[in-house]
C-alpha atoms as a PDB file:
ATOM      1  CA  UNK A   1       6.688  16.140 -29.594  1.00  0.00           C
ATOM      2  CA  UNK A   2       7.794  12.754 -28.294  1.00  0.00           C
ATOM      3  CA  UNK A   3       7.773   9.664 -30.424  1.00  0.00           C
ATOM      4  CA  UNK A   4       6.783   6.321 -28.990  1.00  0.00           C
ATOM      5  CA  UNK A   5       8.395   3.109 -30.204  1.00  0.00           C
ATOM      6  CA  UNK A   6       6.413   1.351 -32.874  1.00  0.00           C
ATOM      7  CA  UNK A   7       5.364  -2.194 -32.016  1.00  0.00           C
ATOM      8  CA  UNK A   8       3.995  -4.622 -34.533  1.00  0.00           C
ATOM      9  CA  UNK A   9       1.042  -6.866 -33.766  1.00  0.00           C
ATOM     10  CA  UNK A  10       3.092 -10.060 -33.613  1.00  0.00           C
ATOM     11  CA  UNK A  11       6.131  -8.819 -31.658  1.00  0.00           C
ATOM     12  CA  UNK A  12       6.483 -10.484 -28.221  1.00  0.00           C
ATOM     13  CA  UNK A  13       7.488  -8.362 -25.214  1.00  0.00           C
ATOM     14  CA  UNK A  14       8.894  -9.177 -21.789  1.00  0.00           C
ATOM     15  CA  UNK A  15       6.973  -7.843 -18.792  1.00  0.00           C
ATOM     16  CA  UNK A  16       7.713  -8.067 -15.076  1.00  0.00           C
ATOM     17  CA  UNK A  17       4.744  -9.160 -12.998  1.00  0.00           C
ATOM     18  CA  UNK A  18       4.636  -8.719  -9.221  1.00  0.00           C
ATOM     19  CA  UNK A  19       2.222  -8.182  -6.369  1.00  0.00           C
ATOM     20  CA  UNK A  20       2.768  -4.785  -4.765  1.00  0.00           C
ATOM     21  CA  UNK A  21       1.067  -3.689  -1.537  1.00  0.00           C
ATOM     22  CA  UNK A  22      -1.202  -0.661  -1.352  1.00  0.00           C
ATOM     23  CA  UNK A  23       0.327   1.918   0.971  1.00  0.00           C
ATOM     24  CA  UNK A  24      -2.805   3.666   2.248  1.00  0.00           C
ATOM     25  CA  UNK A  25      -4.290   0.622   4.053  1.00  0.00           C
ATOM     26  CA  UNK A  26      -0.961   0.055   5.800  1.00  0.00           C
ATOM     27  CA  UNK A  27      -0.837   3.703   6.854  1.00  0.00           C
ATOM     28  CA  UNK A  28      -4.414   3.557   8.149  1.00  0.00           C
ATOM     29  CA  UNK A  29      -3.638   0.373  10.088  1.00  0.00           C
ATOM     30  CA  UNK A  30      -0.602   2.065  11.621  1.00  0.00           C
ATOM     31  CA  UNK A  31      -2.699   5.085  12.594  1.00  0.00           C
ATOM     32  CA  UNK A  32      -5.303   2.833  14.208  1.00  0.00           C
ATOM     33  CA  UNK A  33      -2.538   1.021  16.096  1.00  0.00           C
ATOM     34  CA  UNK A  34      -1.358   4.418  17.365  1.00  0.00           C
ATOM     35  CA  UNK A  35      -4.866   5.324  18.545  1.00  0.00           C
ATOM     36  CA  UNK A  36      -5.291   1.961  20.302  1.00  0.00           C
ATOM     37  CA  UNK A  37      -1.912   2.414  21.990  1.00  0.00           C
ATOM     38  CA  UNK A  38      -2.964   5.915  23.076  1.00  0.00           C
ATOM     39  CA  UNK A  39      -6.144   4.479  24.614  1.00  0.00           C
ATOM     40  CA  UNK A  40      -4.129   1.857  26.499  1.00  0.00           C
ATOM     41  CA  UNK A  41      -1.712   4.494  27.802  1.00  0.00           C
ATOM     42  CA  UNK A  42      -4.643   6.705  28.834  1.00  0.00           C
ATOM     43  CA  UNK A  43      -6.274   4.020  30.937  1.00  0.00           C
ATOM     44  CA  UNK A  44      -2.948   2.931  32.450  1.00  0.00           C
ATOM     45  CA  UNK A  45      -1.997   6.486  33.449  1.00  0.00           C
ATOM     46  CA  UNK A  46      -2.888   7.570  36.972  1.00  0.00           C
ATOM     47  CA  UNK A  47      -5.791  10.036  37.196  1.00  0.00           C
ATOM     48  CA  UNK A  48      -4.816  13.679  37.164  1.00  0.00           C
ATOM     49  CA  UNK A  49      -6.572  16.633  38.753  1.00  0.00           C
ATOM     50  CA  UNK A  50      -5.075  18.959  36.181  1.00  0.00           C
ATOM     51  CA  UNK A  51      -6.250  17.190  32.979  1.00  0.00           C
ATOM     52  CA  UNK A  52      -9.369  15.223  32.085  1.00  0.00           C
ATOM     53  CA  UNK A  53      -9.197  11.712  30.673  1.00  0.00           C
ATOM     54  CA  UNK A  54     -10.204  12.886  27.195  1.00  0.00           C
ATOM     55  CA  UNK A  55      -7.446  15.514  27.217  1.00  0.00           C
ATOM     56  CA  UNK A  56      -4.850  12.906  28.139  1.00  0.00           C
ATOM     57  CA  UNK A  57      -6.188  10.639  25.383  1.00  0.00           C
ATOM     58  CA  UNK A  58      -5.878  13.526  22.903  1.00  0.00           C
ATOM     59  CA  UNK A  59      -2.267  14.193  23.909  1.00  0.00           C
ATOM     60  CA  UNK A  60      -1.313  10.546  23.529  1.00  0.00           C
ATOM     61  CA  UNK A  61      -3.183  10.281  20.218  1.00  0.00           C
ATOM     62  CA  UNK A  62      -1.304  13.235  18.761  1.00  0.00           C
ATOM     63  CA  UNK A  63       2.007  11.834  20.003  1.00  0.00           C
ATOM     64  CA  UNK A  64       1.444   8.265  18.754  1.00  0.00           C
ATOM     65  CA  UNK A  65      -0.434   8.841  15.490  1.00  0.00           C
ATOM     66  CA  UNK A  66       2.580   9.893  13.422  1.00  0.00           C
ATOM     67  CA  UNK A  67       4.845   7.035  14.622  1.00  0.00           C
ATOM     68  CA  UNK A  68       2.004   4.588  13.883  1.00  0.00           C
ATOM     69  CA  UNK A  69       1.614   5.885  10.333  1.00  0.00           C
ATOM     70  CA  UNK A  70       5.395   5.756   9.911  1.00  0.00           C
ATOM     71  CA  UNK A  71       5.578   2.140  11.061  1.00  0.00           C
ATOM     72  CA  UNK A  72       2.743   1.193   8.694  1.00  0.00           C
ATOM     73  CA  UNK A  73       4.579   2.867   5.818  1.00  0.00           C
ATOM     74  CA  UNK A  74       7.814   1.076   6.684  1.00  0.00           C
ATOM     75  CA  UNK A  75       5.976  -2.258   6.757  1.00  0.00           C
ATOM     76  CA  UNK A  76       4.537  -1.533   3.290  1.00  0.00           C
ATOM     77  CA  UNK A  77       7.990  -0.603   1.986  1.00  0.00           C
ATOM     78  CA  UNK A  78       9.478  -3.846   3.319  1.00  0.00           C
ATOM     79  CA  UNK A  79       6.728  -5.891   1.660  1.00  0.00           C
ATOM     80  CA  UNK A  80       7.217  -3.913  -1.554  1.00  0.00           C
ATOM     81  CA  UNK A  81      10.936  -4.745  -1.593  1.00  0.00           C
ATOM     82  CA  UNK A  82      10.157  -8.418  -1.022  1.00  0.00           C
ATOM     83  CA  UNK A  83       7.712  -8.390  -3.927  1.00  0.00           C
ATOM     84  CA  UNK A  84      10.483  -7.084  -6.192  1.00  0.00           C
ATOM     85  CA  UNK A  85      12.532 -10.179  -5.416  1.00  0.00           C
ATOM     86  CA  UNK A  86       9.590 -12.465  -6.158  1.00  0.00           C
ATOM     87  CA  UNK A  87       8.696 -10.812  -9.454  1.00  0.00           C
ATOM     88  CA  UNK A  88       8.399 -12.978 -12.528  1.00  0.00           C
ATOM     89  CA  UNK A  89       9.285 -12.104 -16.094  1.00  0.00           C
ATOM     90  CA  UNK A  90       6.670 -13.190 -18.627  1.00  0.00           C
ATOM     91  CA  UNK A  91       6.741 -13.066 -22.399  1.00  0.00           C
ATOM     92  CA  UNK A  92       3.514 -11.699 -23.855  1.00  0.00           C
ATOM     93  CA  UNK A  93       2.357 -11.414 -27.413  1.00  0.00           C
ATOM     94  CA  UNK A  94      -0.344  -8.919 -28.367  1.00  0.00           C
ATOM     95  CA  UNK A  95      -3.456 -10.107 -30.134  1.00  0.00           C
ATOM     96  CA  UNK A  96      -4.361  -8.696 -33.536  1.00  0.00           C
ATOM     97  CA  UNK A  97      -7.014  -5.981 -33.567  1.00  0.00           C
ATOM     98  CA  UNK A  98      -9.465  -7.738 -35.874  1.00  0.00           C
ATOM     99  CA  UNK A  99     -12.794  -9.140 -34.634  1.00  0.00           C
ATOM    100  CA  UNK A 100     -11.700 -12.772 -34.834  1.00  0.00           C
ATOM    101  CA  UNK A 101     -10.699 -12.744 -31.131  1.00  0.00           C
ATOM    102  CA  UNK A 102     -13.845 -11.104 -29.747  1.00  0.00           C
ATOM    103  CA  UNK A 103     -14.887 -14.224 -27.838  1.00  0.00           C
ATOM    104  CA  UNK A 104     -11.424 -14.698 -26.315  1.00  0.00           C
ATOM    105  CA  UNK A 105     -11.247 -11.091 -25.077  1.00  0.00           C
ATOM    106  CA  UNK A 106     -14.598 -11.230 -23.277  1.00  0.00           C
ATOM    107  CA  UNK A 107     -14.004 -14.619 -21.631  1.00  0.00           C
END
């Protein structure tokens, strides 16, 4: 059984506040960039008698999808590190649990 520290209603605490990026949208954007790059490479490649255009597009998509996702993840990590530097420390004080602050909590 773990015990949690007891906090009183009037005890102020320090919290770090920062804006962190969401990783999944960056990864999706990187994957889409890989697919667009694969389409560009497909149309720039000379026509082949051995493979169809859709097969060449599939090869390039498989080859460029993972690097695109990786670059999107790296971009999110860089932005996450920058948000750590810009974080602010705020002092907060919890409100009492009685009903006297009902209007303030809903506003």
